[in-house]
């Protein structure tokens, strides 16, 4: 399995548990792409602040 497949699997698991898939993001940036890295971090920060809290699950 490659990283992309791991991300897809994790998103499916989150969706199955009723948790937003938006909690998992994957960005590709090389060391030479400083602006892209900065924009990615800003994007992640905005998404984190816009997401609702994860619902608490009562163990059975």
PDB file of N, CA and C in Angstrom:
ATOM      1  N   UNK A   1       0.839  -1.189   0.000  1.00  0.00           N
ATOM      2  CA  UNK A   1       0.000   0.000   0.000  1.00  0.00           C
ATOM      3  C   UNK A   1       0.879   1.246   0.000  1.00  0.00           C
ATOM      4  N   UNK A   2       0.515   2.215  -0.811  1.00  0.00           N
ATOM      5  CA  UNK A   2       1.262   3.472  -0.794  1.00  0.00           C
ATOM      6  C   UNK A   2       0.538   4.501   0.080  1.00  0.00           C
ATOM      7  N   UNK A   3       1.154   5.645   0.237  1.00  0.00           N
ATOM      8  CA  UNK A   3       0.600   6.675   1.125  1.00  0.00           C
ATOM      9  C   UNK A   3      -0.801   7.101   0.690  1.00  0.00           C
ATOM     10  N   UNK A   4      -1.006   7.281  -0.598  1.00  0.00           N
ATOM     11  CA  UNK A   4      -2.315   7.702  -1.102  1.00  0.00           C
ATOM     12  C   UNK A   4      -3.395   6.690  -0.703  1.00  0.00           C
ATOM     13  N   UNK A   5      -3.089   5.409  -0.836  1.00  0.00           N
ATOM     14  CA  UNK A   5      -4.054   4.372  -0.465  1.00  0.00           C
ATOM     15  C   UNK A   5      -4.316   4.364   1.036  1.00  0.00           C
ATOM     16  N   UNK A   6      -3.293   4.627   1.830  1.00  0.00           N
ATOM     17  CA  UNK A   6      -3.472   4.718   3.289  1.00  0.00           C
ATOM     18  C   UNK A   6      -4.420   5.865   3.639  1.00  0.00           C
ATOM     19  N   UNK A   7      -4.245   7.000   2.972  1.00  0.00           N
ATOM     20  CA  UNK A   7      -5.106   8.165   3.217  1.00  0.00           C
ATOM     21  C   UNK A   7      -6.553   7.823   2.855  1.00  0.00           C
ATOM     22  N   UNK A   8      -6.756   7.187   1.708  1.00  0.00           N
ATOM     23  CA  UNK A   8      -8.117   6.803   1.304  1.00  0.00           C
ATOM     24  C   UNK A   8      -8.745   5.841   2.311  1.00  0.00           C
ATOM     25  N   UNK A   9      -7.967   4.883   2.780  1.00  0.00           N
ATOM     26  CA  UNK A   9      -8.467   3.929   3.774  1.00  0.00           C
ATOM     27  C   UNK A   9      -8.845   4.639   5.067  1.00  0.00           C
ATOM     28  N   UNK A  10      -7.991   5.534   5.519  1.00  0.00           N
ATOM     29  CA  UNK A  10      -8.275   6.279   6.746  1.00  0.00           C
ATOM     30  C   UNK A  10      -9.534   7.129   6.589  1.00  0.00           C
ATOM     31  N   UNK A  11      -9.701   7.772   5.436  1.00  0.00           N
ATOM     32  CA  UNK A  11     -10.903   8.576   5.201  1.00  0.00           C
ATOM     33  C   UNK A  11     -12.163   7.707   5.234  1.00  0.00           C
ATOM     34  N   UNK A  12     -12.079   6.508   4.668  1.00  0.00           N
ATOM     35  CA  UNK A  12     -13.227   5.593   4.697  1.00  0.00           C
ATOM     36  C   UNK A  12     -13.563   5.187   6.132  1.00  0.00           C
ATOM     37  N   UNK A  13     -12.530   4.909   6.917  1.00  0.00           N
ATOM     38  CA  UNK A  13     -12.756   4.544   8.319  1.00  0.00           C
ATOM     39  C   UNK A  13     -13.400   5.689   9.095  1.00  0.00           C
ATOM     40  N   UNK A  14     -12.909   6.899   8.877  1.00  0.00           N
ATOM     41  CA  UNK A  14     -13.484   8.059   9.557  1.00  0.00           C
ATOM     42  C   UNK A  14     -14.946   8.243   9.170  1.00  0.00           C
ATOM     43  N   UNK A  15     -15.225   8.149   7.868  1.00  0.00           N
ATOM     44  CA  UNK A  15     -16.601   8.307   7.391  1.00  0.00           C
ATOM     45  C   UNK A  15     -17.507   7.244   8.016  1.00  0.00           C
ATOM     46  N   UNK A  16     -17.028   6.022   8.093  1.00  0.00           N
ATOM     47  CA  UNK A  16     -17.793   4.923   8.696  1.00  0.00           C
ATOM     48  C   UNK A  16     -18.124   5.210  10.154  1.00  0.00           C
ATOM     49  N   UNK A  17     -17.225   5.887  10.848  1.00  0.00           N
ATOM     50  CA  UNK A  17     -17.421   6.212  12.267  1.00  0.00           C
ATOM     51  C   UNK A  17     -18.152   7.540  12.475  1.00  0.00           C
ATOM     52  N   UNK A  18     -18.553   8.190  11.376  1.00  0.00           N
ATOM     53  CA  UNK A  18     -19.298   9.440  11.484  1.00  0.00           C
ATOM     54  C   UNK A  18     -18.428  10.656  11.736  1.00  0.00           C
ATOM     55  N   UNK A  19     -17.155  10.551  11.392  1.00  0.00           N
ATOM     56  CA  UNK A  19     -16.218  11.658  11.580  1.00  0.00           C
ATOM     57  C   UNK A  19     -15.868  12.217  10.209  1.00  0.00           C
ATOM     58  N   UNK A  20     -15.808  13.530  10.109  1.00  0.00           N
ATOM     59  CA  UNK A  20     -15.544  14.191   8.836  1.00  0.00           C
ATOM     60  C   UNK A  20     -14.221  13.746   8.214  1.00  0.00           C
ATOM     61  N   UNK A  21     -14.290  13.406   6.934  1.00  0.00           N
ATOM     62  CA  UNK A  21     -13.089  13.017   6.190  1.00  0.00           C
ATOM     63  C   UNK A  21     -12.121  14.190   6.037  1.00  0.00           C
ATOM     64  N   UNK A  22     -12.622  15.395   6.216  1.00  0.00           N
ATOM     65  CA  UNK A  22     -11.787  16.590   6.062  1.00  0.00           C
ATOM     66  C   UNK A  22     -10.703  16.679   7.127  1.00  0.00           C
ATOM     67  N   UNK A  23     -10.764  15.830   8.124  1.00  0.00           N
ATOM     68  CA  UNK A  23      -9.739  15.832   9.178  1.00  0.00           C
ATOM     69  C   UNK A  23      -8.418  15.258   8.682  1.00  0.00           C
ATOM     70  N   UNK A  24      -8.445  14.614   7.529  1.00  0.00           N
ATOM     71  CA  UNK A  24      -7.224  14.034   6.958  1.00  0.00           C
ATOM     72  C   UNK A  24      -6.925  14.740   5.644  1.00  0.00           C
ATOM     73  N   UNK A  25      -5.763  15.313   5.558  1.00  0.00           N
ATOM     74  CA  UNK A  25      -5.328  16.011   4.352  1.00  0.00           C
ATOM     75  C   UNK A  25      -3.937  15.528   3.969  1.00  0.00           C
ATOM     76  N   UNK A  26      -3.661  15.562   2.681  1.00  0.00           N
ATOM     77  CA  UNK A  26      -2.332  15.192   2.216  1.00  0.00           C
ATOM     78  C   UNK A  26      -1.880  16.241   1.210  1.00  0.00           C
ATOM     79  N   UNK A  27      -0.706  16.774   1.434  1.00  0.00           N
ATOM     80  CA  UNK A  27      -0.132  17.775   0.551  1.00  0.00           C
ATOM     81  C   UNK A  27       1.245  17.312   0.101  1.00  0.00           C
ATOM     82  N   UNK A  28       1.606  17.656  -1.116  1.00  0.00           N
ATOM     83  CA  UNK A  28       2.930  17.338  -1.639  1.00  0.00           C
ATOM     84  C   UNK A  28       3.683  18.636  -1.872  1.00  0.00           C
ATOM     85  N   UNK A  29       4.788  18.801  -1.202  1.00  0.00           N
ATOM     86  CA  UNK A  29       5.616  20.000  -1.352  1.00  0.00           C
ATOM     87  C   UNK A  29       7.082  19.580  -1.344  1.00  0.00           C
ATOM     88  N   UNK A  30       7.828  20.099  -2.293  1.00  0.00           N
ATOM     89  CA  UNK A  30       9.270  19.845  -2.259  1.00  0.00           C
ATOM     90  C   UNK A  30       9.938  20.956  -1.454  1.00  0.00           C
ATOM     91  N   UNK A  31      11.196  20.766  -1.144  1.00  0.00           N
ATOM     92  CA  UNK A  31      11.939  21.761  -0.361  1.00  0.00           C
ATOM     93  C   UNK A  31      12.029  23.096  -1.095  1.00  0.00           C
ATOM     94  N   UNK A  32      11.913  23.076  -2.394  1.00  0.00           N
ATOM     95  CA  UNK A  32      12.015  24.305  -3.181  1.00  0.00           C
ATOM     96  C   UNK A  32      10.688  25.058  -3.273  1.00  0.00           C
ATOM     97  N   UNK A  33       9.607  24.475  -2.796  1.00  0.00           N
ATOM     98  CA  UNK A  33       8.276  25.079  -2.920  1.00  0.00           C
ATOM     99  C   UNK A  33       7.849  25.737  -1.615  1.00  0.00           C
ATOM    100  N   UNK A  34       8.561  26.765  -1.240  1.00  0.00           N
ATOM    101  CA  UNK A  34       8.302  27.439   0.035  1.00  0.00           C
ATOM    102  C   UNK A  34       6.900  28.040   0.063  1.00  0.00           C
ATOM    103  N   UNK A  35       6.513  28.739  -0.977  1.00  0.00           N
ATOM    104  CA  UNK A  35       5.182  29.367  -1.021  1.00  0.00           C
ATOM    105  C   UNK A  35       4.075  28.313  -0.947  1.00  0.00           C
ATOM    106  N   UNK A  36       4.260  27.222  -1.652  1.00  0.00           N
ATOM    107  CA  UNK A  36       3.263  26.149  -1.622  1.00  0.00           C
ATOM    108  C   UNK A  36       3.153  25.569  -0.209  1.00  0.00           C
ATOM    109  N   UNK A  37       4.287  25.410   0.460  1.00  0.00           N
ATOM    110  CA  UNK A  37       4.281  24.904   1.832  1.00  0.00           C
ATOM    111  C   UNK A  37       3.531  25.859   2.755  1.00  0.00           C
ATOM    112  N   UNK A  38       3.834  27.144   2.648  1.00  0.00           N
ATOM    113  CA  UNK A  38       3.170  28.151   3.487  1.00  0.00           C
ATOM    114  C   UNK A  38       1.663  28.135   3.239  1.00  0.00           C
ATOM    115  N   UNK A  39       1.268  28.101   1.974  1.00  0.00           N
ATOM    116  CA  UNK A  39      -0.160  28.070   1.640  1.00  0.00           C
ATOM    117  C   UNK A  39      -0.831  26.802   2.163  1.00  0.00           C
ATOM    118  N   UNK A  40      -0.122  25.688   2.111  1.00  0.00           N
ATOM    119  CA  UNK A  40      -0.667  24.426   2.620  1.00  0.00           C
ATOM    120  C   UNK A  40      -0.904  24.495   4.122  1.00  0.00           C
ATOM    121  N   UNK A  41       0.066  25.040   4.850  1.00  0.00           N
ATOM    122  CA  UNK A  41      -0.076  25.166   6.304  1.00  0.00           C
ATOM    123  C   UNK A  41      -1.241  26.091   6.644  1.00  0.00           C
ATOM    124  N   UNK A  42      -1.365  27.198   5.927  1.00  0.00           N
ATOM    125  CA  UNK A  42      -2.480  28.121   6.168  1.00  0.00           C
ATOM    126  C   UNK A  42      -3.813  27.441   5.868  1.00  0.00           C
ATOM    127  N   UNK A  43      -3.863  26.662   4.794  1.00  0.00           N
ATOM    128  CA  UNK A  43      -5.084  25.948   4.428  1.00  0.00           C
ATOM    129  C   UNK A  43      -5.465  24.935   5.504  1.00  0.00           C
ATOM    130  N   UNK A  44      -4.487  24.179   5.978  1.00  0.00           N
ATOM    131  CA  UNK A  44      -4.739  23.197   7.033  1.00  0.00           C
ATOM    132  C   UNK A  44      -5.262  23.887   8.288  1.00  0.00           C
ATOM    133  N   UNK A  45      -4.645  24.999   8.652  1.00  0.00           N
ATOM    134  CA  UNK A  45      -5.054  25.738   9.852  1.00  0.00           C
ATOM    135  C   UNK A  45      -6.498  26.209   9.737  1.00  0.00           C
ATOM    136  N   UNK A  46      -6.871  26.748   8.579  1.00  0.00           N
ATOM    137  CA  UNK A  46      -8.251  27.203   8.365  1.00  0.00           C
ATOM    138  C   UNK A  46      -9.229  26.034   8.479  1.00  0.00           C
ATOM    139  N   UNK A  47      -8.871  24.899   7.883  1.00  0.00           N
ATOM    140  CA  UNK A  47      -9.760  23.735   7.925  1.00  0.00           C
ATOM    141  C   UNK A  47      -9.928  23.212   9.347  1.00  0.00           C
ATOM    142  N   UNK A  48      -8.843  23.178  10.096  1.00  0.00           N
ATOM    143  CA  UNK A  48      -8.914  22.701  11.483  1.00  0.00           C
ATOM    144  C   UNK A  48      -9.865  23.568  12.295  1.00  0.00           C
ATOM    145  N   UNK A  49      -9.753  24.881  12.145  1.00  0.00           N
ATOM    146  CA  UNK A  49     -10.597  25.794  12.916  1.00  0.00           C
ATOM    147  C   UNK A  49     -12.063  25.743  12.481  1.00  0.00           C
ATOM    148  N   UNK A  50     -12.325  25.304  11.250  1.00  0.00           N
ATOM    149  CA  UNK A  50     -13.709  25.262  10.770  1.00  0.00           C
ATOM    150  C   UNK A  50     -14.416  23.942  11.099  1.00  0.00           C
ATOM    151  N   UNK A  51     -13.661  22.927  11.507  1.00  0.00           N
ATOM    152  CA  UNK A  51     -14.264  21.624  11.792  1.00  0.00           C
ATOM    153  C   UNK A  51     -14.909  21.594  13.176  1.00  0.00           C
ATOM    154  N   UNK A  52     -16.030  20.886  13.280  1.00  0.00           N
ATOM    155  CA  UNK A  52     -16.652  20.725  14.606  1.00  0.00           C
ATOM    156  C   UNK A  52     -15.830  19.743  15.441  1.00  0.00           C
ATOM    157  N   UNK A  53     -16.046  19.740  16.745  1.00  0.00           N
ATOM    158  CA  UNK A  53     -15.342  18.769  17.591  1.00  0.00           C
ATOM    159  C   UNK A  53     -15.717  17.335  17.201  1.00  0.00           C
ATOM    160  N   UNK A  54     -14.812  16.419  17.453  1.00  0.00           N
ATOM    161  CA  UNK A  54     -15.104  15.009  17.203  1.00  0.00           C
ATOM    162  C   UNK A  54     -16.110  14.553  18.258  1.00  0.00           C
ATOM    163  N   UNK A  55     -17.196  13.892  17.830  1.00  0.00           N
ATOM    164  CA  UNK A  55     -18.188  13.442  18.811  1.00  0.00           C
ATOM    165  C   UNK A  55     -17.594  12.402  19.757  1.00  0.00           C
ATOM    166  N   UNK A  56     -17.986  12.493  21.022  1.00  0.00           N
ATOM    167  CA  UNK A  56     -17.516  11.517  22.004  1.00  0.00           C
ATOM    168  C   UNK A  56     -18.296  10.224  21.822  1.00  0.00           C
ATOM    169  N   UNK A  57     -17.580   9.135  21.890  1.00  0.00           N
ATOM    170  CA  UNK A  57     -18.195   7.821  21.725  1.00  0.00           C
ATOM    171  C   UNK A  57     -18.182   7.120  23.072  1.00  0.00           C
ATOM    172  N   UNK A  58     -19.347   6.677  23.501  1.00  0.00           N
ATOM    173  CA  UNK A  58     -19.444   5.946  24.765  1.00  0.00           C
ATOM    174  C   UNK A  58     -19.093   4.486  24.523  1.00  0.00           C
ATOM    175  N   UNK A  59     -18.094   3.970  25.236  1.00  0.00           N
ATOM    176  CA  UNK A  59     -17.743   2.552  25.060  1.00  0.00           C
ATOM    177  C   UNK A  59     -18.879   1.654  25.546  1.00  0.00           C
ATOM    178  N   UNK A  60     -19.038   0.546  24.879  1.00  0.00           N
ATOM    179  CA  UNK A  60     -20.131  -0.384  25.226  1.00  0.00           C
ATOM    180  C   UNK A  60     -19.642  -1.469  26.139  1.00  0.00           C
TER     181      UNK A  60
END
